Amino acid sequence: MNAKDIADDPHLRERGYLVQLEHPEVGKRIHAGVPWKMSATPCSVRSAAPIRGADTESVLKTLLGYSSDRVEQLMKAGILA
């Protein structure tokens, strides 16, 4: 199946596999959901795909230990968008 076949599949729709989410750049789109159901733990798609660079600052600070000043320097230098 291609992406269109999956999005149009009545069985997947009935099972609640397909979810419609708002994306900040492309608007409302159908996304593939979680392919399993768990009895005691709810599973769901929490958000649409992030936009490019949405998590850059967080990754630099929390994972790489960059300071806010260093991140700001990289942005001013045009290294980060």
PDB file of N, CA and C in Angstrom:
ATOM      1  N   MET A   1       0.843  -1.189   0.000  1.00  0.00           N
ATOM      2  CA  MET A   1       0.000   0.000   0.000  1.00  0.00           C
ATOM      3  C   MET A   1       0.884   1.247   0.000  1.00  0.00           C
ATOM      4  N   ASN A   2       0.471   2.231  -0.761  1.00  0.00           N
ATOM      5  CA  ASN A   2       1.173   3.503  -0.693  1.00  0.00           C
ATOM      6  C   ASN A   2       0.489   4.402   0.351  1.00  0.00           C
ATOM      7  N   ALA A   3       1.010   5.599   0.561  1.00  0.00           N
ATOM      8  CA  ALA A   3       0.472   6.481   1.600  1.00  0.00           C
ATOM      9  C   ALA A   3      -1.004   6.817   1.363  1.00  0.00           C
ATOM     10  N   LYS A   4      -1.389   7.033   0.114  1.00  0.00           N
ATOM     11  CA  LYS A   4      -2.791   7.350  -0.190  1.00  0.00           C
ATOM     12  C   LYS A   4      -3.692   6.161   0.120  1.00  0.00           C
ATOM     13  N   ASP A   5      -3.251   4.953  -0.237  1.00  0.00           N
ATOM     14  CA  ASP A   5      -4.029   3.747   0.064  1.00  0.00           C
ATOM     15  C   ASP A   5      -4.259   3.612   1.569  1.00  0.00           C
ATOM     16  N   ILE A   6      -3.223   3.857   2.347  1.00  0.00           N
ATOM     17  CA  ILE A   6      -3.338   3.754   3.805  1.00  0.00           C
ATOM     18  C   ILE A   6      -4.315   4.804   4.331  1.00  0.00           C
ATOM     19  N   ALA A   7      -4.192   6.038   3.860  1.00  0.00           N
ATOM     20  CA  ALA A   7      -5.060   7.123   4.328  1.00  0.00           C
ATOM     21  C   ALA A   7      -6.521   6.893   3.964  1.00  0.00           C
ATOM     22  N   ASP A   8      -6.770   6.154   2.881  1.00  0.00           N
ATOM     23  CA  ASP A   8      -8.144   5.896   2.433  1.00  0.00           C
ATOM     24  C   ASP A   8      -8.695   4.548   2.898  1.00  0.00           C
ATOM     25  N   ASP A   9      -7.911   3.775   3.628  1.00  0.00           N
ATOM     26  CA  ASP A   9      -8.320   2.433   4.010  1.00  0.00           C
ATOM     27  C   ASP A   9      -9.428   2.466   5.072  1.00  0.00           C
ATOM     28  N   PRO A  10     -10.620   1.927   4.766  1.00  0.00           N
ATOM     29  CA  PRO A  10     -11.736   1.972   5.715  1.00  0.00           C
ATOM     30  C   PRO A  10     -11.466   1.177   6.997  1.00  0.00           C
ATOM     31  N   HIS A  11     -10.740   0.075   6.882  1.00  0.00           N
ATOM     32  CA  HIS A  11     -10.443  -0.726   8.072  1.00  0.00           C
ATOM     33  C   HIS A  11      -9.557   0.058   9.048  1.00  0.00           C
ATOM     34  N   LEU A  12      -8.513   0.709   8.523  1.00  0.00           N
ATOM     35  CA  LEU A  12      -7.625   1.485   9.385  1.00  0.00           C
ATOM     36  C   LEU A  12      -8.355   2.665  10.024  1.00  0.00           C
ATOM     37  N   ARG A  13      -9.260   3.267   9.269  1.00  0.00           N
ATOM     38  CA  ARG A  13     -10.064   4.369   9.834  1.00  0.00           C
ATOM     39  C   ARG A  13     -10.952   3.861  10.965  1.00  0.00           C
ATOM     40  N   GLU A  14     -11.610   2.753  10.744  1.00  0.00           N
ATOM     41  CA  GLU A  14     -12.520   2.186  11.746  1.00  0.00           C
ATOM     42  C   GLU A  14     -11.766   1.794  13.019  1.00  0.00           C
ATOM     43  N   ARG A  15     -10.556   1.319  12.887  1.00  0.00           N
ATOM     44  CA  ARG A  15      -9.743   0.921  14.047  1.00  0.00           C
ATOM     45  C   ARG A  15      -9.154   2.117  14.788  1.00  0.00           C
ATOM     46  N   GLY A  16      -9.303   3.315  14.217  1.00  0.00           N
ATOM     47  CA  GLY A  16      -8.761   4.507  14.859  1.00  0.00           C
ATOM     48  C   GLY A  16      -7.265   4.671  14.672  1.00  0.00           C
ATOM     49  N   TYR A  17      -6.717   3.987  13.678  1.00  0.00           N
ATOM     50  CA  TYR A  17      -5.273   4.056  13.422  1.00  0.00           C
ATOM     51  C   TYR A  17      -4.863   5.401  12.830  1.00  0.00           C
ATOM     52  N   LEU A  18      -5.705   5.966  12.019  1.00  0.00           N
ATOM     53  CA  LEU A  18      -5.390   7.227  11.361  1.00  0.00           C
ATOM     54  C   LEU A  18      -5.847   8.392  12.233  1.00  0.00           C
ATOM     55  N   VAL A  19      -4.966   9.357  12.406  1.00  0.00           N
ATOM     56  CA  VAL A  19      -5.308  10.530  13.213  1.00  0.00           C
ATOM     57  C   VAL A  19      -5.071  11.787  12.391  1.00  0.00           C
ATOM     58  N   GLN A  20      -5.921  12.766  12.608  1.00  0.00           N
ATOM     59  CA  GLN A  20      -5.782  14.027  11.899  1.00  0.00           C
ATOM     60  C   GLN A  20      -5.237  15.053  12.880  1.00  0.00           C
ATOM     61  N   LEU A  21      -4.086  15.635  12.531  1.00  0.00           N
ATOM     62  CA  LEU A  21      -3.421  16.590  13.407  1.00  0.00           C
ATOM     63  C   LEU A  21      -3.073  17.859  12.646  1.00  0.00           C
ATOM     64  N   GLU A  22      -3.017  18.954  13.361  1.00  0.00           N
ATOM     65  CA  GLU A  22      -2.642  20.242  12.789  1.00  0.00           C
ATOM     66  C   GLU A  22      -1.120  20.365  12.808  1.00  0.00           C
ATOM     67  N   HIS A  23      -0.543  20.659  11.653  1.00  0.00           N
ATOM     68  CA  HIS A  23       0.896  20.894  11.545  1.00  0.00           C
ATOM     69  C   HIS A  23       1.099  22.388  11.297  1.00  0.00           C
ATOM     70  N   PRO A  24       2.076  23.014  11.969  1.00  0.00           N
ATOM     71  CA  PRO A  24       2.231  24.461  11.847  1.00  0.00           C
ATOM     72  C   PRO A  24       2.597  24.960  10.456  1.00  0.00           C
ATOM     73  N   GLU A  25       3.166  24.123   9.609  1.00  0.00           N
ATOM     74  CA  GLU A  25       3.554  24.571   8.272  1.00  0.00           C
ATOM     75  C   GLU A  25       2.625  24.098   7.162  1.00  0.00           C
ATOM     76  N   VAL A  26       1.997  22.946   7.311  1.00  0.00           N
ATOM     77  CA  VAL A  26       1.193  22.400   6.211  1.00  0.00           C
ATOM     78  C   VAL A  26      -0.286  22.250   6.542  1.00  0.00           C
ATOM     79  N   GLY A  27      -0.692  22.651   7.735  1.00  0.00           N
ATOM     80  CA  GLY A  27      -2.096  22.566   8.113  1.00  0.00           C
ATOM     81  C   GLY A  27      -2.498  21.184   8.587  1.00  0.00           C
ATOM     82  N   LYS A  28      -3.778  20.912   8.524  1.00  0.00           N
ATOM     83  CA  LYS A  28      -4.316  19.652   9.019  1.00  0.00           C
ATOM     84  C   LYS A  28      -3.975  18.517   8.058  1.00  0.00           C
ATOM     85  N   ARG A  29      -3.397  17.448   8.603  1.00  0.00           N
ATOM     86  CA  ARG A  29      -2.999  16.298   7.797  1.00  0.00           C
ATOM     87  C   ARG A  29      -3.331  15.006   8.528  1.00  0.00           C
ATOM     88  N   ILE A  30      -3.503  13.943   7.754  1.00  0.00           N
ATOM     89  CA  ILE A  30      -3.733  12.621   8.330  1.00  0.00           C
ATOM     90  C   ILE A  30      -2.370  11.977   8.591  1.00  0.00           C
ATOM     91  N   HIS A  31      -2.205  11.461   9.792  1.00  0.00           N
ATOM     92  CA  HIS A  31      -0.958  10.810  10.190  1.00  0.00           C
ATOM     93  C   HIS A  31      -1.242   9.368  10.581  1.00  0.00           C
ATOM     94  N   ALA A  32      -0.244   8.526  10.391  1.00  0.00           N
ATOM     95  CA  ALA A  32      -0.342   7.149  10.883  1.00  0.00           C
ATOM     96  C   ALA A  32      -0.312   7.204  12.401  1.00  0.00           C
ATOM     97  N   GLY A  33      -1.138   6.398  13.007  1.00  0.00           N
ATOM     98  CA  GLY A  33      -1.209   6.366  14.458  1.00  0.00           C
ATOM     99  C   GLY A  33      -0.343   5.272  15.046  1.00  0.00           C
ATOM    100  N   VAL A  34      -0.625   4.914  16.256  1.00  0.00           N
ATOM    101  CA  VAL A  34       0.085   3.830  16.936  1.00  0.00           C
ATOM    102  C   VAL A  34      -0.559   2.522  16.488  1.00  0.00           C
ATOM    103  N   PRO A  35       0.229   1.571  15.977  1.00  0.00           N
ATOM    104  CA  PRO A  35      -0.351   0.364  15.387  1.00  0.00           C
ATOM    105  C   PRO A  35      -0.807  -0.693  16.381  1.00  0.00           C
ATOM    106  N   TRP A  36      -0.782  -0.415  17.667  1.00  0.00           N
ATOM    107  CA  TRP A  36      -1.245  -1.388  18.659  1.00  0.00           C
ATOM    108  C   TRP A  36      -2.082  -0.682  19.706  1.00  0.00           C
ATOM    109  N   LYS A  37      -2.855  -1.448  20.435  1.00  0.00           N
ATOM    110  CA  LYS A  37      -3.673  -0.935  21.534  1.00  0.00           C
ATOM    111  C   LYS A  37      -3.255  -1.692  22.787  1.00  0.00           C
ATOM    112  N   MET A  38      -3.143  -0.969  23.888  1.00  0.00           N
ATOM    113  CA  MET A  38      -2.748  -1.581  25.149  1.00  0.00           C
ATOM    114  C   MET A  38      -3.893  -1.428  26.143  1.00  0.00           C
ATOM    115  N   SER A  39      -4.135  -2.439  26.928  1.00  0.00           N
ATOM    116  CA  SER A  39      -5.288  -2.432  27.825  1.00  0.00           C
ATOM    117  C   SER A  39      -5.133  -1.460  28.996  1.00  0.00           C
ATOM    118  N   ALA A  40      -3.940  -1.301  29.525  1.00  0.00           N
ATOM    119  CA  ALA A  40      -3.773  -0.465  30.716  1.00  0.00           C
ATOM    120  C   ALA A  40      -3.044   0.846  30.438  1.00  0.00           C
ATOM    121  N   THR A  41      -2.477   0.997  29.268  1.00  0.00           N
ATOM    122  CA  THR A  41      -1.718   2.207  28.948  1.00  0.00           C
ATOM    123  C   THR A  41      -2.230   2.797  27.645  1.00  0.00           C
ATOM    124  N   PRO A  42      -2.754   4.014  27.698  1.00  0.00           N
ATOM    125  CA  PRO A  42      -3.222   4.618  26.452  1.00  0.00           C
ATOM    126  C   PRO A  42      -2.037   4.986  25.550  1.00  0.00           C
ATOM    127  N   CYS A  43      -2.167   4.691  24.292  1.00  0.00           N
ATOM    128  CA  CYS A  43      -1.139   5.024  23.310  1.00  0.00           C
ATOM    129  C   CYS A  43      -1.766   5.947  22.280  1.00  0.00           C
ATOM    130  N   SER A  44      -1.118   7.059  22.024  1.00  0.00           N
ATOM    131  CA  SER A  44      -1.654   7.980  21.017  1.00  0.00           C
ATOM    132  C   SER A  44      -0.534   8.821  20.437  1.00  0.00           C
ATOM    133  N   VAL A  45      -0.795   9.365  19.270  1.00  0.00           N
ATOM    134  CA  VAL A  45       0.117  10.314  18.659  1.00  0.00           C
ATOM    135  C   VAL A  45      -0.155  11.644  19.339  1.00  0.00           C
ATOM    136  N   ARG A  46       0.863  12.220  19.961  1.00  0.00           N
ATOM    137  CA  ARG A  46       0.665  13.433  20.751  1.00  0.00           C
ATOM    138  C   ARG A  46       0.760  14.712  19.936  1.00  0.00           C
ATOM    139  N   SER A  47       1.489  14.676  18.843  1.00  0.00           N
ATOM    140  CA  SER A  47       1.629  15.888  18.034  1.00  0.00           C
ATOM    141  C   SER A  47       2.085  15.523  16.633  1.00  0.00           C
ATOM    142  N   ALA A  48       1.940  16.481  15.735  1.00  0.00           N
ATOM    143  CA  ALA A  48       2.416  16.295  14.369  1.00  0.00           C
ATOM    144  C   ALA A  48       3.938  16.337  14.363  1.00  0.00           C
ATOM    145  N   ALA A  49       4.534  15.999  13.252  1.00  0.00           N
ATOM    146  CA  ALA A  49       5.990  16.036  13.130  1.00  0.00           C
ATOM    147  C   ALA A  49       6.491  17.453  13.420  1.00  0.00           C
ATOM    148  N   PRO A  50       7.629  17.558  14.084  1.00  0.00           N
ATOM    149  CA  PRO A  50       8.145  18.899  14.392  1.00  0.00           C
ATOM    150  C   PRO A  50       8.650  19.594  13.134  1.00  0.00           C
ATOM    151  N   ILE A  51       8.662  20.914  13.174  1.00  0.00           N
ATOM    152  CA  ILE A  51       9.228  21.649  12.052  1.00  0.00           C
ATOM    153  C   ILE A  51      10.746  21.651  12.190  1.00  0.00           C
ATOM    154  N   ARG A  52      11.416  21.862  11.090  1.00  0.00           N
ATOM    155  CA  ARG A  52      12.887  21.840  11.086  1.00  0.00           C
ATOM    156  C   ARG A  52      13.434  22.838  12.104  1.00  0.00           C
ATOM    157  N   GLY A  53      14.303  22.363  12.959  1.00  0.00           N
ATOM    158  CA  GLY A  53      14.946  23.214  13.944  1.00  0.00           C
ATOM    159  C   GLY A  53      14.157  23.444  15.221  1.00  0.00           C
ATOM    160  N   ALA A  54      12.978  22.863  15.337  1.00  0.00           N
ATOM    161  CA  ALA A  54      12.127  23.109  16.499  1.00  0.00           C
ATOM    162  C   ALA A  54      12.773  22.681  17.807  1.00  0.00           C
ATOM    163  N   ASP A  55      13.590  21.654  17.773  1.00  0.00           N
ATOM    164  CA  ASP A  55      14.195  21.128  18.997  1.00  0.00           C
ATOM    165  C   ASP A  55      15.689  21.440  19.114  1.00  0.00           C
ATOM    166  N   THR A  56      16.218  22.228  18.205  1.00  0.00           N
ATOM    167  CA  THR A  56      17.657  22.487  18.180  1.00  0.00           C
ATOM    168  C   THR A  56      18.162  23.079  19.489  1.00  0.00           C
ATOM    169  N   GLU A  57      17.511  24.127  19.958  1.00  0.00           N
ATOM    170  CA  GLU A  57      17.974  24.786  21.182  1.00  0.00           C
ATOM    171  C   GLU A  57      17.945  23.828  22.372  1.00  0.00           C
ATOM    172  N   SER A  58      16.884  23.066  22.489  1.00  0.00           N
ATOM    173  CA  SER A  58      16.769  22.111  23.583  1.00  0.00           C
ATOM    174  C   SER A  58      17.869  21.051  23.520  1.00  0.00           C
ATOM    175  N   VAL A  59      18.146  20.532  22.331  1.00  0.00           N
ATOM    176  CA  VAL A  59      19.185  19.513  22.162  1.00  0.00           C
ATOM    177  C   VAL A  59      20.554  20.088  22.514  1.00  0.00           C
ATOM    178  N   LEU A  60      20.837  21.292  22.021  1.00  0.00           N
ATOM    179  CA  LEU A  60      22.135  21.901  22.301  1.00  0.00           C
ATOM    180  C   LEU A  60      22.338  22.135  23.794  1.00  0.00           C
ATOM    181  N   LYS A  61      21.286  22.585  24.467  1.00  0.00           N
ATOM    182  CA  LYS A  61      21.417  22.896  25.895  1.00  0.00           C
ATOM    183  C   LYS A  61      21.394  21.649  26.773  1.00  0.00           C
ATOM    184  N   THR A  62      20.421  20.775  26.566  1.00  0.00           N
ATOM    185  CA  THR A  62      20.262  19.641  27.485  1.00  0.00           C
ATOM    186  C   THR A  62      21.180  18.467  27.183  1.00  0.00           C
ATOM    187  N   LEU A  63      21.383  18.173  25.911  1.00  0.00           N
ATOM    188  CA  LEU A  63      22.214  17.022  25.564  1.00  0.00           C
ATOM    189  C   LEU A  63      23.690  17.373  25.410  1.00  0.00           C
ATOM    190  N   LEU A  64      23.963  18.560  24.866  1.00  0.00           N
ATOM    191  CA  LEU A  64      25.347  18.929  24.595  1.00  0.00           C
ATOM    192  C   LEU A  64      25.918  19.917  25.604  1.00  0.00           C
ATOM    193  N   GLY A  65      25.068  20.442  26.493  1.00  0.00           N
ATOM    194  CA  GLY A  65      25.542  21.324  27.550  1.00  0.00           C
ATOM    195  C   GLY A  65      25.895  22.733  27.111  1.00  0.00           C
ATOM    196  N   TYR A  66      25.407  23.186  25.958  1.00  0.00           N
ATOM    197  CA  TYR A  66      25.674  24.554  25.514  1.00  0.00           C
ATOM    198  C   TYR A  66      24.941  25.534  26.420  1.00  0.00           C
ATOM    199  N   SER A  67      25.537  26.685  26.635  1.00  0.00           N
ATOM    200  CA  SER A  67      24.889  27.733  27.420  1.00  0.00           C
ATOM    201  C   SER A  67      23.944  28.518  26.508  1.00  0.00           C
ATOM    202  N   SER A  68      23.057  29.282  27.124  1.00  0.00           N
ATOM    203  CA  SER A  68      22.147  30.128  26.344  1.00  0.00           C
ATOM    204  C   SER A  68      22.936  31.139  25.520  1.00  0.00           C
ATOM    205  N   ASP A  69      24.021  31.669  26.111  1.00  0.00           N
ATOM    206  CA  ASP A  69      24.856  32.635  25.385  1.00  0.00           C
ATOM    207  C   ASP A  69      25.482  32.005  24.148  1.00  0.00           C
ATOM    208  N   ARG A  70      25.958  30.767  24.269  1.00  0.00           N
ATOM    209  CA  ARG A  70      26.579  30.084  23.132  1.00  0.00           C
ATOM    210  C   ARG A  70      25.563  29.826  22.025  1.00  0.00           C
ATOM    211  N   VAL A  71      24.371  29.404  22.394  1.00  0.00           N
ATOM    212  CA  VAL A  71      23.315  29.165  21.404  1.00  0.00           C
ATOM    213  C   VAL A  71      22.980  30.479  20.700  1.00  0.00           C
ATOM    214  N   GLU A  72      22.894  31.567  21.461  1.00  0.00           N
ATOM    215  CA  GLU A  72      22.593  32.880  20.874  1.00  0.00           C
ATOM    216  C   GLU A  72      23.703  33.313  19.903  1.00  0.00           C
ATOM    217  N   GLN A  73      24.962  33.051  20.273  1.00  0.00           N
ATOM    218  CA  GLN A  73      26.094  33.375  19.390  1.00  0.00           C
ATOM    219  C   GLN A  73      25.981  32.617  18.072  1.00  0.00           C
ATOM    220  N   LEU A  74      25.642  31.333  18.150  1.00  0.00           N
ATOM    221  CA  LEU A  74      25.509  30.524  16.941  1.00  0.00           C
ATOM    222  C   LEU A  74      24.370  31.019  16.071  1.00  0.00           C
ATOM    223  N   MET A  75      23.292  31.467  16.696  1.00  0.00           N
ATOM    224  CA  MET A  75      22.164  32.001  15.916  1.00  0.00           C
ATOM    225  C   MET A  75      22.551  33.316  15.245  1.00  0.00           C
ATOM    226  N   LYS A  76      23.214  34.201  15.967  1.00  0.00           N
ATOM    227  CA  LYS A  76      23.636  35.498  15.400  1.00  0.00           C
ATOM    228  C   LYS A  76      24.636  35.304  14.263  1.00  0.00           C
ATOM    229  N   ALA A  77      25.479  34.275  14.365  1.00  0.00           N
ATOM    230  CA  ALA A  77      26.463  33.999  13.327  1.00  0.00           C
ATOM    231  C   ALA A  77      25.840  33.321  12.104  1.00  0.00           C
ATOM    232  N   GLY A  78      24.559  32.955  12.192  1.00  0.00           N
ATOM    233  CA  GLY A  78      23.889  32.324  11.062  1.00  0.00           C
ATOM    234  C   GLY A  78      24.154  30.823  10.973  1.00  0.00           C
ATOM    235  N   ILE A  79      24.789  30.273  11.989  1.00  0.00           N
ATOM    236  CA  ILE A  79      25.067  28.841  11.995  1.00  0.00           C
ATOM    237  C   ILE A  79      23.810  28.053  12.288  1.00  0.00           C
ATOM    238  N   LEU A  80      22.966  28.614  13.134  1.00  0.00           N
ATOM    239  CA  LEU A  80      21.655  28.015  13.455  1.00  0.00           C
ATOM    240  C   LEU A  80      20.578  28.902  12.887  1.00  0.00           C
ATOM    241  N   ALA A  81      19.528  28.289  12.426  1.00  0.00           N
ATOM    242  CA  ALA A  81      18.401  29.067  11.901  1.00  0.00           C
ATOM    243  C   ALA A  81      17.321  29.194  12.933  1.00  0.00           C
TER     244      ALA A  81
END
